[in-house]
Amino acid sequence: MSLYETDFYTWTQEQAALLKAGRLSELDVAGLIEEVEDMGRSERRELENRLEVLLTHLLKWRYQPKRKGKSWHLTIREQRWKVALCLQENPSMKLSKYTFLANAYKSAVWQAARETKLDESIFPIECPWTFEQVMNDEFWPD
């Protein structure tokens, strides 16, 4: 087994030292490729997770209006801000924002159904809001 598989931290430190020393021929290229690709997937997952939380709370806001409260309001504002930060740090992801929104919406419906105890069929099959609406601080689905 390689160091990559048995002690990831030590492997990362070794790879960094090799890069700093310019000893490129000694790098674990396959491992580095895998890690760089995973870093990109991690950024995508972060954005989709933030969108899922945001959409879940927007659905709860819309479909359980009597339960609206400060906590939901603050969660919506926080997630909008964190989605915006993700996109600011990774501007190329803006090109796929509607795909990310659609992916997150499917999970948000399940989460909203679980949290509200409403049947998931009550929620629209596709996201009823545009990305711009979801991110608009003035938008509150009533």
C-alpha atoms as a PDB file:
ATOM      1  CA  MET A   1       0.000   0.000   0.000  1.00  0.00           C
ATOM      2  CA  SER A   2       1.203   3.492  -0.764  1.00  0.00           C
ATOM      3  CA  LEU A   3       1.641   6.334   1.691  1.00  0.00           C
ATOM      4  CA  TYR A   4      -1.337   7.981  -0.045  1.00  0.00           C
ATOM      5  CA  GLU A   5      -3.513   5.100   1.175  1.00  0.00           C
ATOM      6  CA  THR A   6      -2.000   4.564   4.624  1.00  0.00           C
ATOM      7  CA  ASP A   7      -1.187   8.090   5.911  1.00  0.00           C
ATOM      8  CA  PHE A   8      -2.837  10.776   3.848  1.00  0.00           C
ATOM      9  CA  TYR A   9      -1.562  13.682   5.949  1.00  0.00           C
ATOM     10  CA  THR A  10       2.062  12.603   5.655  1.00  0.00           C
ATOM     11  CA  TRP A  11       1.531  12.043   1.921  1.00  0.00           C
ATOM     12  CA  THR A  12       0.252  15.629   1.511  1.00  0.00           C
ATOM     13  CA  GLN A  13       3.243  17.031   3.385  1.00  0.00           C
ATOM     14  CA  GLU A  14       5.626  14.947   1.300  1.00  0.00           C
ATOM     15  CA  GLN A  15       3.998  16.075  -1.951  1.00  0.00           C
ATOM     16  CA  ALA A  16       4.157  19.734  -0.868  1.00  0.00           C
ATOM     17  CA  ALA A  17       7.842  19.389   0.023  1.00  0.00           C
ATOM     18  CA  LEU A  18       8.581  17.794  -3.354  1.00  0.00           C
ATOM     19  CA  LEU A  19       6.760  20.617  -5.158  1.00  0.00           C
ATOM     20  CA  LYS A  20       8.612  23.281  -3.168  1.00  0.00           C
ATOM     21  CA  ALA A  21      11.938  21.595  -3.916  1.00  0.00           C
ATOM     22  CA  GLY A  22      11.121  21.338  -7.622  1.00  0.00           C
ATOM     23  CA  ARG A  23      11.516  17.543  -7.528  1.00  0.00           C
ATOM     24  CA  LEU A  24       8.612  17.042  -9.887  1.00  0.00           C
ATOM     25  CA  SER A  25       9.667  13.640 -11.156  1.00  0.00           C
ATOM     26  CA  GLU A  26       9.217  12.212  -7.643  1.00  0.00           C
ATOM     27  CA  LEU A  27       5.598  13.395  -7.272  1.00  0.00           C
ATOM     28  CA  ASP A  28       2.716  10.960  -6.968  1.00  0.00           C
ATOM     29  CA  VAL A  29       1.022  12.348 -10.083  1.00  0.00           C
ATOM     30  CA  ALA A  30      -1.917   9.928 -10.021  1.00  0.00           C
ATOM     31  CA  GLY A  31      -2.657  10.772  -6.390  1.00  0.00           C
ATOM     32  CA  LEU A  32      -2.343  14.503  -7.024  1.00  0.00           C
ATOM     33  CA  ILE A  33      -4.709  14.297  -9.999  1.00  0.00           C
ATOM     34  CA  GLU A  34      -7.264  12.456  -7.867  1.00  0.00           C
ATOM     35  CA  GLU A  35      -7.008  15.036  -5.090  1.00  0.00           C
ATOM     36  CA  VAL A  36      -7.294  18.030  -7.416  1.00  0.00           C
ATOM     37  CA  GLU A  37     -10.395  16.513  -9.025  1.00  0.00           C
ATOM     38  CA  ASP A  38     -11.853  15.816  -5.585  1.00  0.00           C
ATOM     39  CA  MET A  39     -11.249  19.431  -4.552  1.00  0.00           C
ATOM     40  CA  GLY A  40     -13.462  20.542  -7.439  1.00  0.00           C
ATOM     41  CA  ARG A  41     -16.171  18.051  -6.490  1.00  0.00           C
ATOM     42  CA  SER A  42     -15.986  19.290  -2.911  1.00  0.00           C
ATOM     43  CA  GLU A  43     -16.632  22.877  -4.001  1.00  0.00           C
ATOM     44  CA  ARG A  44     -19.630  21.714  -6.057  1.00  0.00           C
ATOM     45  CA  ARG A  45     -21.000  19.716  -3.109  1.00  0.00           C
ATOM     46  CA  GLU A  46     -20.587  22.724  -0.820  1.00  0.00           C
ATOM     47  CA  LEU A  47     -22.629  24.888  -3.180  1.00  0.00           C
ATOM     48  CA  GLU A  48     -25.342  22.254  -3.649  1.00  0.00           C
ATOM     49  CA  ASN A  49     -25.556  21.640   0.113  1.00  0.00           C
ATOM     50  CA  ARG A  50     -25.979  25.366   0.780  1.00  0.00           C
ATOM     51  CA  LEU A  51     -28.652  25.558  -1.913  1.00  0.00           C
ATOM     52  CA  GLU A  52     -30.413  22.521  -0.423  1.00  0.00           C
ATOM     53  CA  VAL A  53     -30.634  24.143   3.018  1.00  0.00           C
ATOM     54  CA  LEU A  54     -31.790  27.403   1.449  1.00  0.00           C
ATOM     55  CA  LEU A  55     -34.444  25.733  -0.690  1.00  0.00           C
ATOM     56  CA  THR A  56     -35.633  23.565   2.206  1.00  0.00           C
ATOM     57  CA  HIS A  57     -36.273  26.669   4.280  1.00  0.00           C
ATOM     58  CA  LEU A  58     -37.924  28.517   1.391  1.00  0.00           C
ATOM     59  CA  LEU A  59     -40.258  25.536   0.930  1.00  0.00           C
ATOM     60  CA  LYS A  60     -41.040  25.456   4.642  1.00  0.00           C
ATOM     61  CA  TRP A  61     -41.608  29.236   4.544  1.00  0.00           C
ATOM     62  CA  ARG A  62     -44.052  28.813   1.646  1.00  0.00           C
ATOM     63  CA  TYR A  63     -45.864  25.644   2.746  1.00  0.00           C
ATOM     64  CA  GLN A  64     -45.961  26.136   6.518  1.00  0.00           C
ATOM     65  CA  PRO A  65     -46.652  29.872   6.760  1.00  0.00           C
ATOM     66  CA  LYS A  66     -47.966  29.650  10.328  1.00  0.00           C
ATOM     67  CA  ARG A  67     -44.593  28.303  11.502  1.00  0.00           C
ATOM     68  CA  LYS A  68     -42.491  31.104  10.005  1.00  0.00           C
ATOM     69  CA  GLY A  69     -40.089  32.480  12.526  1.00  0.00           C
ATOM     70  CA  LYS A  70     -36.877  34.313  13.112  1.00  0.00           C
ATOM     71  CA  SER A  71     -34.849  31.081  12.892  1.00  0.00           C
ATOM     72  CA  TRP A  72     -36.067  30.279   9.368  1.00  0.00           C
ATOM     73  CA  HIS A  73     -35.613  33.908   8.335  1.00  0.00           C
ATOM     74  CA  LEU A  74     -32.021  33.951   9.579  1.00  0.00           C
ATOM     75  CA  THR A  75     -31.224  30.561   8.030  1.00  0.00           C
ATOM     76  CA  ILE A  76     -32.473  31.781   4.637  1.00  0.00           C
ATOM     77  CA  ARG A  77     -30.387  34.951   4.885  1.00  0.00           C
ATOM     78  CA  GLU A  78     -27.301  33.023   6.036  1.00  0.00           C
ATOM     79  CA  GLN A  79     -27.537  30.457   3.233  1.00  0.00           C
ATOM     80  CA  ARG A  80     -28.019  33.163   0.603  1.00  0.00           C
ATOM     81  CA  TRP A  81     -24.856  34.823   1.863  1.00  0.00           C
ATOM     82  CA  LYS A  82     -22.913  31.537   1.912  1.00  0.00           C
ATOM     83  CA  VAL A  83     -24.078  30.581  -1.602  1.00  0.00           C
ATOM     84  CA  ALA A  84     -22.946  34.014  -2.789  1.00  0.00           C
ATOM     85  CA  LEU A  85     -19.550  33.445  -1.138  1.00  0.00           C
ATOM     86  CA  CYS A  86     -19.187  30.044  -2.832  1.00  0.00           C
ATOM     87  CA  LEU A  87     -19.881  31.646  -6.198  1.00  0.00           C
ATOM     88  CA  GLN A  88     -17.567  34.553  -5.489  1.00  0.00           C
ATOM     89  CA  GLU A  89     -14.741  32.125  -4.706  1.00  0.00           C
ATOM     90  CA  ASN A  90     -15.603  29.888  -7.689  1.00  0.00           C
ATOM     91  CA  PRO A  91     -17.053  32.201 -10.377  1.00  0.00           C
ATOM     92  CA  SER A  92     -17.015  29.507 -13.069  1.00  0.00           C
ATOM     93  CA  MET A  93     -19.703  27.613 -11.124  1.00  0.00           C
ATOM     94  CA  LYS A  94     -22.142  30.405 -12.015  1.00  0.00           C
ATOM     95  CA  LEU A  95     -22.322  28.857 -15.489  1.00  0.00           C
ATOM     96  CA  SER A  96     -24.039  25.786 -13.997  1.00  0.00           C
ATOM     97  CA  LYS A  97     -26.123  27.505 -11.322  1.00  0.00           C
ATOM     98  CA  TYR A  98     -29.426  26.201 -12.700  1.00  0.00           C
ATOM     99  CA  THR A  99     -28.132  22.629 -12.743  1.00  0.00           C
ATOM    100  CA  PHE A 100     -26.960  23.007  -9.150  1.00  0.00           C
ATOM    101  CA  LEU A 101     -30.335  24.522  -8.219  1.00  0.00           C
ATOM    102  CA  ALA A 102     -32.232  21.624  -9.815  1.00  0.00           C
ATOM    103  CA  ASN A 103     -30.035  19.036  -8.089  1.00  0.00           C
ATOM    104  CA  ALA A 104     -30.388  20.730  -4.713  1.00  0.00           C
ATOM    105  CA  TYR A 105     -34.144  21.147  -5.128  1.00  0.00           C
ATOM    106  CA  LYS A 106     -34.763  17.399  -5.328  1.00  0.00           C
ATOM    107  CA  SER A 107     -33.038  16.869  -1.988  1.00  0.00           C
ATOM    108  CA  ALA A 108     -34.698  19.955  -0.507  1.00  0.00           C
ATOM    109  CA  VAL A 109     -38.150  18.522  -1.233  1.00  0.00           C
ATOM    110  CA  TRP A 110     -37.319  15.343   0.675  1.00  0.00           C
ATOM    111  CA  GLN A 111     -35.857  17.330   3.548  1.00  0.00           C
ATOM    112  CA  ALA A 112     -38.816  19.732   3.677  1.00  0.00           C
ATOM    113  CA  ALA A 113     -41.278  16.807   3.621  1.00  0.00           C
ATOM    114  CA  ARG A 114     -39.387  15.145   6.466  1.00  0.00           C
ATOM    115  CA  GLU A 115     -39.200  18.321   8.572  1.00  0.00           C
ATOM    116  CA  THR A 116     -42.771  19.513   7.956  1.00  0.00           C
ATOM    117  CA  LYS A 117     -44.405  16.073   7.966  1.00  0.00           C
ATOM    118  CA  LEU A 118     -46.183  17.160   4.755  1.00  0.00           C
ATOM    119  CA  ASP A 119     -46.494  14.714   1.877  1.00  0.00           C
ATOM    120  CA  GLU A 120     -43.783  15.381  -0.677  1.00  0.00           C
ATOM    121  CA  SER A 121     -46.415  15.449  -3.437  1.00  0.00           C
ATOM    122  CA  ILE A 122     -47.535  18.829  -2.072  1.00  0.00           C
ATOM    123  CA  PHE A 123     -44.328  20.418  -3.339  1.00  0.00           C
ATOM    124  CA  PRO A 124     -43.774  21.225  -7.032  1.00  0.00           C
ATOM    125  CA  ILE A 125     -41.808  18.602  -8.964  1.00  0.00           C
ATOM    126  CA  GLU A 126     -39.392  21.231 -10.267  1.00  0.00           C
ATOM    127  CA  CYS A 127     -38.092  24.265  -8.435  1.00  0.00           C
ATOM    128  CA  PRO A 128     -40.772  26.953  -8.713  1.00  0.00           C
ATOM    129  CA  TRP A 129     -38.262  29.784  -8.388  1.00  0.00           C
ATOM    130  CA  THR A 130     -35.428  31.042 -10.507  1.00  0.00           C
ATOM    131  CA  PHE A 131     -31.910  31.158  -9.164  1.00  0.00           C
ATOM    132  CA  GLU A 132     -32.182  34.941  -9.080  1.00  0.00           C
ATOM    133  CA  GLN A 133     -35.336  34.777  -6.938  1.00  0.00           C
ATOM    134  CA  VAL A 134     -33.801  32.264  -4.550  1.00  0.00           C
ATOM    135  CA  MET A 135     -30.804  34.551  -4.067  1.00  0.00           C
ATOM    136  CA  ASN A 136     -32.763  37.810  -3.824  1.00  0.00           C
ATOM    137  CA  ASP A 137     -32.803  39.161  -0.253  1.00  0.00           C
ATOM    138  CA  GLU A 138     -36.209  40.718  -0.971  1.00  0.00           C
ATOM    139  CA  PHE A 139     -37.769  37.429  -2.116  1.00  0.00           C
ATOM    140  CA  TRP A 140     -39.911  35.582   0.434  1.00  0.00           C
ATOM    141  CA  PRO A 141     -42.289  33.056  -1.154  1.00  0.00           C
ATOM    142  CA  ASP A 142     -45.754  33.725   0.201  1.00  0.00           C
END
